[in-house]
Amino acid sequence: MAACMSENGSDRKLEFFLKVPFPSEREATIALQSLSPDPEPRKGGITKNLDLSGQTLSVRWTADEARILRVSLSSFLDHLSLVMETMDAFGPPVSQ
């Protein structure tokens, strides 16, 4: 897992990047599909983009305030942990 935080130029936006490797592309796809339906509860102040490249799930947040970023990131990590624990409990996905 890799992460990076930066301030975005004159807009003074905070950015946070997270890359999560999975054992297979299928498991990464399952994680993406499980985590994508959750939109941010606020209508402004933060955006979250999820992307899949091979077996790596990439997430990018952009926020106006550190507090909003922290809450969104914490919630996402809780959901990610649940998804990973569920996949681990049921074993590797069956090929379709």
PDB file of N, CA and C in Angstrom:
ATOM      1  N   MET A   1       0.850  -1.154   0.000  1.00  0.00           N
ATOM      2  CA  MET A   1       0.000   0.000   0.000  1.00  0.00           C
ATOM      3  C   MET A   1       0.903   1.227   0.000  1.00  0.00           C
ATOM      4  N   ALA A   2       0.653   2.161  -0.891  1.00  0.00           N
ATOM      5  CA  ALA A   2       1.435   3.384  -0.958  1.00  0.00           C
ATOM      6  C   ALA A   2       0.498   4.571  -0.860  1.00  0.00           C
ATOM      7  N   ALA A   3       0.944   5.632  -0.220  1.00  0.00           N
ATOM      8  CA  ALA A   3       0.116   6.825  -0.076  1.00  0.00           C
ATOM      9  C   ALA A   3       0.980   8.065  -0.200  1.00  0.00           C
ATOM     10  N   CYS A   4       0.349   9.156  -0.650  1.00  0.00           N
ATOM     11  CA  CYS A   4       1.056  10.420  -0.801  1.00  0.00           C
ATOM     12  C   CYS A   4       0.049  11.541  -0.592  1.00  0.00           C
ATOM     13  N   MET A   5       0.440  12.584   0.128  1.00  0.00           N
ATOM     14  CA  MET A   5      -0.433  13.727   0.340  1.00  0.00           C
ATOM     15  C   MET A   5       0.294  14.977  -0.118  1.00  0.00           C
ATOM     16  N   SER A   6      -0.432  15.874  -0.781  1.00  0.00           N
ATOM     17  CA  SER A   6       0.182  17.116  -1.237  1.00  0.00           C
ATOM     18  C   SER A   6      -0.858  18.217  -1.274  1.00  0.00           C
ATOM     19  N   GLU A   7      -0.367  19.468  -1.310  1.00  0.00           N
ATOM     20  CA  GLU A   7      -1.253  20.607  -1.509  1.00  0.00           C
ATOM     21  C   GLU A   7      -1.201  20.963  -2.973  1.00  0.00           C
ATOM     22  N   ASN A   8      -2.362  21.215  -3.551  1.00  0.00           N
ATOM     23  CA  ASN A   8      -2.482  21.434  -4.979  1.00  0.00           C
ATOM     24  C   ASN A   8      -2.422  22.925  -5.318  1.00  0.00           C
ATOM     25  N   GLY A   9      -1.243  23.451  -5.592  1.00  0.00           N
ATOM     26  CA  GLY A   9      -1.036  24.804  -6.113  1.00  0.00           C
ATOM     27  C   GLY A   9      -1.764  25.904  -5.380  1.00  0.00           C
ATOM     28  N   SER A  10      -2.220  26.898  -6.154  1.00  0.00           N
ATOM     29  CA  SER A  10      -2.826  28.096  -5.583  1.00  0.00           C
ATOM     30  C   SER A  10      -4.231  27.846  -5.044  1.00  0.00           C
ATOM     31  N   ASP A  11      -4.877  26.748  -5.450  1.00  0.00           N
ATOM     32  CA  ASP A  11      -6.221  26.434  -4.954  1.00  0.00           C
ATOM     33  C   ASP A  11      -6.184  26.006  -3.488  1.00  0.00           C
ATOM     34  N   ARG A  12      -5.012  25.642  -3.015  1.00  0.00           N
ATOM     35  CA  ARG A  12      -4.817  25.181  -1.638  1.00  0.00           C
ATOM     36  C   ARG A  12      -5.683  23.967  -1.320  1.00  0.00           C
ATOM     37  N   LYS A  13      -5.882  23.125  -2.297  1.00  0.00           N
ATOM     38  CA  LYS A  13      -6.610  21.876  -2.098  1.00  0.00           C
ATOM     39  C   LYS A  13      -5.634  20.830  -1.573  1.00  0.00           C
ATOM     40  N   LEU A  14      -6.134  19.941  -0.758  1.00  0.00           N
ATOM     41  CA  LEU A  14      -5.348  18.817  -0.271  1.00  0.00           C
ATOM     42  C   LEU A  14      -5.626  17.618  -1.159  1.00  0.00           C
ATOM     43  N   GLU A  15      -4.578  16.885  -1.502  1.00  0.00           N
ATOM     44  CA  GLU A  15      -4.734  15.669  -2.302  1.00  0.00           C
ATOM     45  C   GLU A  15      -4.113  14.504  -1.553  1.00  0.00           C
ATOM     46  N   PHE A  16      -4.756  13.354  -1.683  1.00  0.00           N
ATOM     47  CA  PHE A  16      -4.235  12.143  -1.070  1.00  0.00           C
ATOM     48  C   PHE A  16      -4.386  11.016  -2.076  1.00  0.00           C
ATOM     49  N   PHE A  17      -3.308  10.280  -2.299  1.00  0.00           N
ATOM     50  CA  PHE A  17      -3.299   9.166  -3.248  1.00  0.00           C
ATOM     51  C   PHE A  17      -3.031   7.876  -2.494  1.00  0.00           C
ATOM     52  N   LEU A  18      -3.753   6.828  -2.859  1.00  0.00           N
ATOM     53  CA  LEU A  18      -3.584   5.529  -2.224  1.00  0.00           C
ATOM     54  C   LEU A  18      -3.588   4.459  -3.311  1.00  0.00           C
ATOM     55  N   LYS A  19      -2.623   3.561  -3.261  1.00  0.00           N
ATOM     56  CA  LYS A  19      -2.565   2.425  -4.187  1.00  0.00           C
ATOM     57  C   LYS A  19      -2.595   1.151  -3.363  1.00  0.00           C
ATOM     58  N   VAL A  20      -3.540   0.277  -3.710  1.00  0.00           N
ATOM     59  CA  VAL A  20      -3.710  -0.971  -2.969  1.00  0.00           C
ATOM     60  C   VAL A  20      -3.531  -2.145  -3.932  1.00  0.00           C
ATOM     61  N   PRO A  21      -2.452  -2.917  -3.779  1.00  0.00           N
ATOM     62  CA  PRO A  21      -2.256  -4.084  -4.641  1.00  0.00           C
ATOM     63  C   PRO A  21      -3.089  -5.276  -4.146  1.00  0.00           C
ATOM     64  N   PHE A  22      -3.604  -6.050  -5.084  1.00  0.00           N
ATOM     65  CA  PHE A  22      -4.355  -7.262  -4.766  1.00  0.00           C
ATOM     66  C   PHE A  22      -3.648  -8.451  -5.395  1.00  0.00           C
ATOM     67  N   PRO A  23      -3.911  -9.658  -4.898  1.00  0.00           N
ATOM     68  CA  PRO A  23      -3.260 -10.855  -5.448  1.00  0.00           C
ATOM     69  C   PRO A  23      -3.607 -11.114  -6.911  1.00  0.00           C
ATOM     70  N   SER A  24      -4.800 -10.671  -7.337  1.00  0.00           N
ATOM     71  CA  SER A  24      -5.207 -10.908  -8.728  1.00  0.00           C
ATOM     72  C   SER A  24      -6.029  -9.727  -9.229  1.00  0.00           C
ATOM     73  N   GLU A  25      -6.148  -9.656 -10.554  1.00  0.00           N
ATOM     74  CA  GLU A  25      -6.965  -8.605 -11.160  1.00  0.00           C
ATOM     75  C   GLU A  25      -8.436  -8.796 -10.801  1.00  0.00           C
ATOM     76  N   ARG A  26      -8.867 -10.040 -10.703  1.00  0.00           N
ATOM     77  CA  ARG A  26     -10.263 -10.338 -10.350  1.00  0.00           C
ATOM     78  C   ARG A  26     -10.598  -9.813  -8.958  1.00  0.00           C
ATOM     79  N   GLU A  27      -9.697  -9.995  -7.987  1.00  0.00           N
ATOM     80  CA  GLU A  27      -9.940  -9.493  -6.636  1.00  0.00           C
ATOM     81  C   GLU A  27      -9.931  -7.959  -6.607  1.00  0.00           C
ATOM     82  N   ALA A  28      -9.075  -7.354  -7.396  1.00  0.00           N
ATOM     83  CA  ALA A  28      -9.045  -5.892  -7.485  1.00  0.00           C
ATOM     84  C   ALA A  28     -10.356  -5.371  -8.081  1.00  0.00           C
ATOM     85  N   THR A  29     -10.884  -6.078  -9.070  1.00  0.00           N
ATOM     86  CA  THR A  29     -12.159  -5.692  -9.680  1.00  0.00           C
ATOM     87  C   THR A  29     -13.301  -5.819  -8.686  1.00  0.00           C
ATOM     88  N   ILE A  30     -13.308  -6.889  -7.911  1.00  0.00           N
ATOM     89  CA  ILE A  30     -14.334  -7.082  -6.880  1.00  0.00           C
ATOM     90  C   ILE A  30     -14.269  -5.936  -5.865  1.00  0.00           C
ATOM     91  N   ALA A  31     -13.076  -5.577  -5.436  1.00  0.00           N
ATOM     92  CA  ALA A  31     -12.918  -4.474  -4.478  1.00  0.00           C
ATOM     93  C   ALA A  31     -13.430  -3.169  -5.082  1.00  0.00           C
ATOM     94  N   LEU A  32     -13.074  -2.894  -6.335  1.00  0.00           N
ATOM     95  CA  LEU A  32     -13.528  -1.671  -7.004  1.00  0.00           C
ATOM     96  C   LEU A  32     -15.045  -1.633  -7.065  1.00  0.00           C
ATOM     97  N   GLN A  33     -15.668  -2.731  -7.467  1.00  0.00           N
ATOM     98  CA  GLN A  33     -17.125  -2.776  -7.569  1.00  0.00           C
ATOM     99  C   GLN A  33     -17.794  -2.644  -6.204  1.00  0.00           C
ATOM    100  N   SER A  34     -17.152  -3.146  -5.171  1.00  0.00           N
ATOM    101  CA  SER A  34     -17.711  -3.059  -3.820  1.00  0.00           C
ATOM    102  C   SER A  34     -17.594  -1.656  -3.237  1.00  0.00           C
ATOM    103  N   LEU A  35     -16.536  -0.956  -3.586  1.00  0.00           N
ATOM    104  CA  LEU A  35     -16.259   0.358  -2.994  1.00  0.00           C
ATOM    105  C   LEU A  35     -16.791   1.525  -3.825  1.00  0.00           C
ATOM    106  N   SER A  36     -17.022   1.323  -5.098  1.00  0.00           N
ATOM    107  CA  SER A  36     -17.469   2.405  -5.982  1.00  0.00           C
ATOM    108  C   SER A  36     -18.859   2.961  -5.672  1.00  0.00           C
ATOM    109  N   PRO A  37     -19.825   2.156  -5.255  1.00  0.00           N
ATOM    110  CA  PRO A  37     -21.174   2.698  -5.070  1.00  0.00           C
ATOM    111  C   PRO A  37     -21.311   3.721  -3.950  1.00  0.00           C
ATOM    112  N   ASP A  38     -20.309   3.865  -3.104  1.00  0.00           N
ATOM    113  CA  ASP A  38     -20.415   4.771  -1.964  1.00  0.00           C
ATOM    114  C   ASP A  38     -19.990   6.190  -2.331  1.00  0.00           C
ATOM    115  N   PRO A  39     -20.949   7.068  -2.674  1.00  0.00           N
ATOM    116  CA  PRO A  39     -20.575   8.453  -2.969  1.00  0.00           C
ATOM    117  C   PRO A  39     -20.249   9.193  -1.673  1.00  0.00           C
ATOM    118  N   GLU A  40     -19.556  10.289  -1.813  1.00  0.00           N
ATOM    119  CA  GLU A  40     -19.253  11.110  -0.643  1.00  0.00           C
ATOM    120  C   GLU A  40     -20.557  11.717  -0.124  1.00  0.00           C
ATOM    121  N   PRO A  41     -20.771  11.725   1.207  1.00  0.00           N
ATOM    122  CA  PRO A  41     -22.029  12.235   1.754  1.00  0.00           C
ATOM    123  C   PRO A  41     -22.203  13.746   1.563  1.00  0.00           C
ATOM    124  N   ARG A  42     -21.123  14.477   1.518  1.00  0.00           N
ATOM    125  CA  ARG A  42     -21.204  15.926   1.322  1.00  0.00           C
ATOM    126  C   ARG A  42     -21.274  16.239  -0.160  1.00  0.00           C
ATOM    127  N   LYS A  43     -21.953  17.325  -0.487  1.00  0.00           N
ATOM    128  CA  LYS A  43     -22.060  17.722  -1.889  1.00  0.00           C
ATOM    129  C   LYS A  43     -20.859  18.547  -2.335  1.00  0.00           C
ATOM    130  N   GLY A  44     -20.065  19.034  -1.429  1.00  0.00           N
ATOM    131  CA  GLY A  44     -18.911  19.834  -1.817  1.00  0.00           C
ATOM    132  C   GLY A  44     -17.760  19.628  -0.864  1.00  0.00           C
ATOM    133  N   GLY A  45     -16.608  20.126  -1.253  1.00  0.00           N
ATOM    134  CA  GLY A  45     -15.458  20.071  -0.370  1.00  0.00           C
ATOM    135  C   GLY A  45     -14.545  18.886  -0.569  1.00  0.00           C
ATOM    136  N   ILE A  46     -15.047  17.818  -1.223  1.00  0.00           N
ATOM    137  CA  ILE A  46     -14.195  16.645  -1.416  1.00  0.00           C
ATOM    138  C   ILE A  46     -14.643  15.846  -2.646  1.00  0.00           C
ATOM    139  N   THR A  47     -13.661  15.296  -3.332  1.00  0.00           N
ATOM    140  CA  THR A  47     -13.949  14.366  -4.425  1.00  0.00           C
ATOM    141  C   THR A  47     -13.079  13.133  -4.234  1.00  0.00           C
ATOM    142  N   LYS A  48     -13.604  11.985  -4.668  1.00  0.00           N
ATOM    143  CA  LYS A  48     -12.871  10.720  -4.571  1.00  0.00           C
ATOM    144  C   LYS A  48     -12.980  10.021  -5.909  1.00  0.00           C
ATOM    145  N   ASN A  49     -11.848   9.643  -6.489  1.00  0.00           N
ATOM    146  CA  ASN A  49     -11.828   8.924  -7.760  1.00  0.00           C
ATOM    147  C   ASN A  49     -11.134   7.585  -7.578  1.00  0.00           C
ATOM    148  N   LEU A  50     -11.804   6.511  -8.021  1.00  0.00           N
ATOM    149  CA  LEU A  50     -11.233   5.173  -7.959  1.00  0.00           C
ATOM    150  C   LEU A  50     -10.900   4.721  -9.366  1.00  0.00           C
ATOM    151  N   ASP A  51      -9.756   4.041  -9.495  1.00  0.00           N
ATOM    152  CA  ASP A  51      -9.301   3.565 -10.801  1.00  0.00           C
ATOM    153  C   ASP A  51      -8.637   2.207 -10.613  1.00  0.00           C
ATOM    154  N   LEU A  52      -8.706   1.408 -11.647  1.00  0.00           N
ATOM    155  CA  LEU A  52      -8.108   0.074 -11.598  1.00  0.00           C
ATOM    156  C   LEU A  52      -7.077  -0.056 -12.702  1.00  0.00           C
ATOM    157  N   SER A  53      -5.882  -0.502 -12.332  1.00  0.00           N
ATOM    158  CA  SER A  53      -4.823  -0.753 -13.301  1.00  0.00           C
ATOM    159  C   SER A  53      -4.244  -2.135 -12.989  1.00  0.00           C
ATOM    160  N   GLY A  54      -4.651  -3.115 -13.779  1.00  0.00           N
ATOM    161  CA  GLY A  54      -4.198  -4.477 -13.502  1.00  0.00           C
ATOM    162  C   GLY A  54      -4.763  -4.960 -12.190  1.00  0.00           C
ATOM    163  N   GLN A  55      -3.890  -5.329 -11.273  1.00  0.00           N
ATOM    164  CA  GLN A  55      -4.339  -5.801  -9.961  1.00  0.00           C
ATOM    165  C   GLN A  55      -4.136  -4.759  -8.869  1.00  0.00           C
ATOM    166  N   THR A  56      -4.016  -3.481  -9.275  1.00  0.00           N
ATOM    167  CA  THR A  56      -3.835  -2.395  -8.306  1.00  0.00           C
ATOM    168  C   THR A  56      -5.012  -1.427  -8.353  1.00  0.00           C
ATOM    169  N   LEU A  57      -5.618  -1.213  -7.198  1.00  0.00           N
ATOM    170  CA  LEU A  57      -6.691  -0.242  -7.046  1.00  0.00           C
ATOM    171  C   LEU A  57      -6.063   1.081  -6.623  1.00  0.00           C
ATOM    172  N   SER A  58      -6.338   2.140  -7.370  1.00  0.00           N
ATOM    173  CA  SER A  58      -5.816   3.475  -7.061  1.00  0.00           C
ATOM    174  C   SER A  58      -6.969   4.380  -6.669  1.00  0.00           C
ATOM    175  N   VAL A  59      -6.747   5.152  -5.613  1.00  0.00           N
ATOM    176  CA  VAL A  59      -7.774   6.077  -5.144  1.00  0.00           C
ATOM    177  C   VAL A  59      -7.127   7.451  -4.971  1.00  0.00           C
ATOM    178  N   ARG A  60      -7.855   8.479  -5.413  1.00  0.00           N
ATOM    179  CA  ARG A  60      -7.346   9.857  -5.295  1.00  0.00           C
ATOM    180  C   ARG A  60      -8.439  10.717  -4.672  1.00  0.00           C
ATOM    181  N   TRP A  61      -8.095  11.367  -3.565  1.00  0.00           N
ATOM    182  CA  TRP A  61      -8.995  12.306  -2.923  1.00  0.00           C
ATOM    183  C   TRP A  61      -8.480  13.718  -3.149  1.00  0.00           C
ATOM    184  N   THR A  62      -9.394  14.661  -3.312  1.00  0.00           N
ATOM    185  CA  THR A  62      -9.069  16.082  -3.334  1.00  0.00           C
ATOM    186  C   THR A  62     -10.056  16.750  -2.385  1.00  0.00           C
ATOM    187  N   ALA A  63      -9.541  17.511  -1.414  1.00  0.00           N
ATOM    188  CA  ALA A  63     -10.410  18.102  -0.396  1.00  0.00           C
ATOM    189  C   ALA A  63     -10.029  19.539  -0.101  1.00  0.00           C
ATOM    190  N   ASP A  64     -11.019  20.283   0.383  1.00  0.00           N
ATOM    191  CA  ASP A  64     -10.801  21.672   0.784  1.00  0.00           C
ATOM    192  C   ASP A  64     -10.203  21.766   2.188  1.00  0.00           C
ATOM    193  N   GLU A  65     -10.543  20.818   3.045  1.00  0.00           N
ATOM    194  CA  GLU A  65     -10.111  20.868   4.446  1.00  0.00           C
ATOM    195  C   GLU A  65      -9.553  19.514   4.881  1.00  0.00           C
ATOM    196  N   ALA A  66      -8.586  19.554   5.759  1.00  0.00           N
ATOM    197  CA  ALA A  66      -7.969  18.332   6.276  1.00  0.00           C
ATOM    198  C   ALA A  66      -8.980  17.475   7.039  1.00  0.00           C
ATOM    199  N   ARG A  67      -9.879  18.096   7.756  1.00  0.00           N
ATOM    200  CA  ARG A  67     -10.876  17.356   8.541  1.00  0.00           C
ATOM    201  C   ARG A  67     -11.765  16.509   7.638  1.00  0.00           C
ATOM    202  N   ILE A  68     -12.233  17.106   6.542  1.00  0.00           N
ATOM    203  CA  ILE A  68     -13.101  16.385   5.604  1.00  0.00           C
ATOM    204  C   ILE A  68     -12.333  15.225   4.966  1.00  0.00           C
ATOM    205  N   LEU A  69     -11.092  15.476   4.605  1.00  0.00           N
ATOM    206  CA  LEU A  69     -10.250  14.436   4.005  1.00  0.00           C
ATOM    207  C   LEU A  69     -10.053  13.279   4.977  1.00  0.00           C
ATOM    208  N   ARG A  70      -9.777  13.608   6.217  1.00  0.00           N
ATOM    209  CA  ARG A  70      -9.547  12.583   7.238  1.00  0.00           C
ATOM    210  C   ARG A  70     -10.777  11.702   7.441  1.00  0.00           C
ATOM    211  N   VAL A  71     -11.957  12.299   7.509  1.00  0.00           N
ATOM    212  CA  VAL A  71     -13.191  11.535   7.713  1.00  0.00           C
ATOM    213  C   VAL A  71     -13.456  10.620   6.518  1.00  0.00           C
ATOM    214  N   SER A  72     -13.305  11.148   5.305  1.00  0.00           N
ATOM    215  CA  SER A  72     -13.530  10.346   4.101  1.00  0.00           C
ATOM    216  C   SER A  72     -12.533   9.200   4.006  1.00  0.00           C
ATOM    217  N   LEU A  73     -11.282   9.483   4.271  1.00  0.00           N
ATOM    218  CA  LEU A  73     -10.230   8.467   4.209  1.00  0.00           C
ATOM    219  C   LEU A  73     -10.466   7.378   5.255  1.00  0.00           C
ATOM    220  N   SER A  74     -10.822   7.781   6.452  1.00  0.00           N
ATOM    221  CA  SER A  74     -11.082   6.817   7.519  1.00  0.00           C
ATOM    222  C   SER A  74     -12.251   5.893   7.156  1.00  0.00           C
ATOM    223  N   SER A  75     -13.310   6.464   6.637  1.00  0.00           N
ATOM    224  CA  SER A  75     -14.467   5.676   6.230  1.00  0.00           C
ATOM    225  C   SER A  75     -14.098   4.715   5.103  1.00  0.00           C
ATOM    226  N   PHE A  76     -13.332   5.196   4.118  1.00  0.00           N
ATOM    227  CA  PHE A  76     -12.925   4.344   3.004  1.00  0.00           C
ATOM    228  C   PHE A  76     -12.066   3.180   3.502  1.00  0.00           C
ATOM    229  N   LEU A  77     -11.124   3.446   4.393  1.00  0.00           N
ATOM    230  CA  LEU A  77     -10.254   2.381   4.897  1.00  0.00           C
ATOM    231  C   LEU A  77     -11.049   1.341   5.692  1.00  0.00           C
ATOM    232  N   ASP A  78     -12.072   1.787   6.418  1.00  0.00           N
ATOM    233  CA  ASP A  78     -12.945   0.836   7.118  1.00  0.00           C
ATOM    234  C   ASP A  78     -13.648  -0.077   6.119  1.00  0.00           C
ATOM    235  N   HIS A  79     -14.188   0.513   5.053  1.00  0.00           N
ATOM    236  CA  HIS A  79     -14.876  -0.281   4.034  1.00  0.00           C
ATOM    237  C   HIS A  79     -13.905  -1.208   3.300  1.00  0.00           C
ATOM    238  N   LEU A  80     -12.726  -0.696   2.978  1.00  0.00           N
ATOM    239  CA  LEU A  80     -11.703  -1.509   2.304  1.00  0.00           C
ATOM    240  C   LEU A  80     -11.312  -2.702   3.170  1.00  0.00           C
ATOM    241  N   SER A  81     -11.140  -2.464   4.454  1.00  0.00           N
ATOM    242  CA  SER A  81     -10.794  -3.540   5.378  1.00  0.00           C
ATOM    243  C   SER A  81     -11.882  -4.613   5.398  1.00  0.00           C
ATOM    244  N   LEU A  82     -13.142  -4.201   5.412  1.00  0.00           N
ATOM    245  CA  LEU A  82     -14.250  -5.144   5.402  1.00  0.00           C
ATOM    246  C   LEU A  82     -14.277  -5.959   4.104  1.00  0.00           C
ATOM    247  N   VAL A  83     -14.044  -5.296   2.974  1.00  0.00           N
ATOM    248  CA  VAL A  83     -14.016  -5.989   1.685  1.00  0.00           C
ATOM    249  C   VAL A  83     -12.896  -7.027   1.665  1.00  0.00           C
ATOM    250  N   MET A  84     -11.718  -6.637   2.143  1.00  0.00           N
ATOM    251  CA  MET A  84     -10.572  -7.560   2.130  1.00  0.00           C
ATOM    252  C   MET A  84     -10.789  -8.733   3.092  1.00  0.00           C
ATOM    253  N   GLU A  85     -11.359  -8.467   4.259  1.00  0.00           N
ATOM    254  CA  GLU A  85     -11.643  -9.539   5.211  1.00  0.00           C
ATOM    255  C   GLU A  85     -12.675 -10.504   4.646  1.00  0.00           C
ATOM    256  N   THR A  86     -13.676  -9.977   3.949  1.00  0.00           N
ATOM    257  CA  THR A  86     -14.710 -10.823   3.347  1.00  0.00           C
ATOM    258  C   THR A  86     -14.116 -11.706   2.261  1.00  0.00           C
ATOM    259  N   MET A  87     -13.282 -11.118   1.391  1.00  0.00           N
ATOM    260  CA  MET A  87     -12.646 -11.925   0.340  1.00  0.00           C
ATOM    261  C   MET A  87     -11.744 -12.983   0.950  1.00  0.00           C
ATOM    262  N   ASP A  88     -11.055 -12.651   2.025  1.00  0.00           N
ATOM    263  CA  ASP A  88     -10.171 -13.612   2.685  1.00  0.00           C
ATOM    264  C   ASP A  88     -10.982 -14.754   3.303  1.00  0.00           C
ATOM    265  N   ALA A  89     -12.140 -14.422   3.899  1.00  0.00           N
ATOM    266  CA  ALA A  89     -12.964 -15.438   4.545  1.00  0.00           C
ATOM    267  C   ALA A  89     -13.549 -16.432   3.533  1.00  0.00           C
ATOM    268  N   PHE A  90     -13.872 -15.938   2.330  1.00  0.00           N
ATOM    269  CA  PHE A  90     -14.492 -16.803   1.324  1.00  0.00           C
ATOM    270  C   PHE A  90     -13.487 -17.414   0.367  1.00  0.00           C
ATOM    271  N   GLY A  91     -12.238 -17.025   0.465  1.00  0.00           N
ATOM    272  CA  GLY A  91     -11.201 -17.590  -0.410  1.00  0.00           C
ATOM    273  C   GLY A  91     -11.143 -16.890  -1.749  1.00  0.00           C
ATOM    274  N   PRO A  92     -10.235 -17.334  -2.592  1.00  0.00           N
ATOM    275  CA  PRO A  92     -10.066 -16.698  -3.895  1.00  0.00           C
ATOM    276  C   PRO A  92     -11.345 -16.803  -4.736  1.00  0.00           C
ATOM    277  N   PRO A  93     -11.609 -15.793  -5.560  1.00  0.00           N
ATOM    278  CA  PRO A  93     -12.825 -15.834  -6.391  1.00  0.00           C
ATOM    279  C   PRO A  93     -12.753 -16.948  -7.428  1.00  0.00           C
ATOM    280  N   VAL A  94     -13.904 -17.503  -7.736  1.00  0.00           N
ATOM    281  CA  VAL A  94     -14.011 -18.566  -8.729  1.00  0.00           C
ATOM    282  C   VAL A  94     -14.036 -17.926 -10.112  1.00  0.00           C
ATOM    283  N   SER A  95     -13.349 -18.508 -11.059  1.00  0.00           N
ATOM    284  CA  SER A  95     -13.366 -18.000 -12.433  1.00  0.00           C
ATOM    285  C   SER A  95     -14.753 -18.127 -13.025  1.00  0.00           C
ATOM    286  N   GLN A  96     -15.122 -17.125 -13.814  1.00  0.00           N
ATOM    287  CA  GLN A  96     -16.453 -17.156 -14.425  1.00  0.00           C
ATOM    288  C   GLN A  96     -16.387 -17.613 -15.841  1.00  0.00           C
TER     289      GLN A  96
END
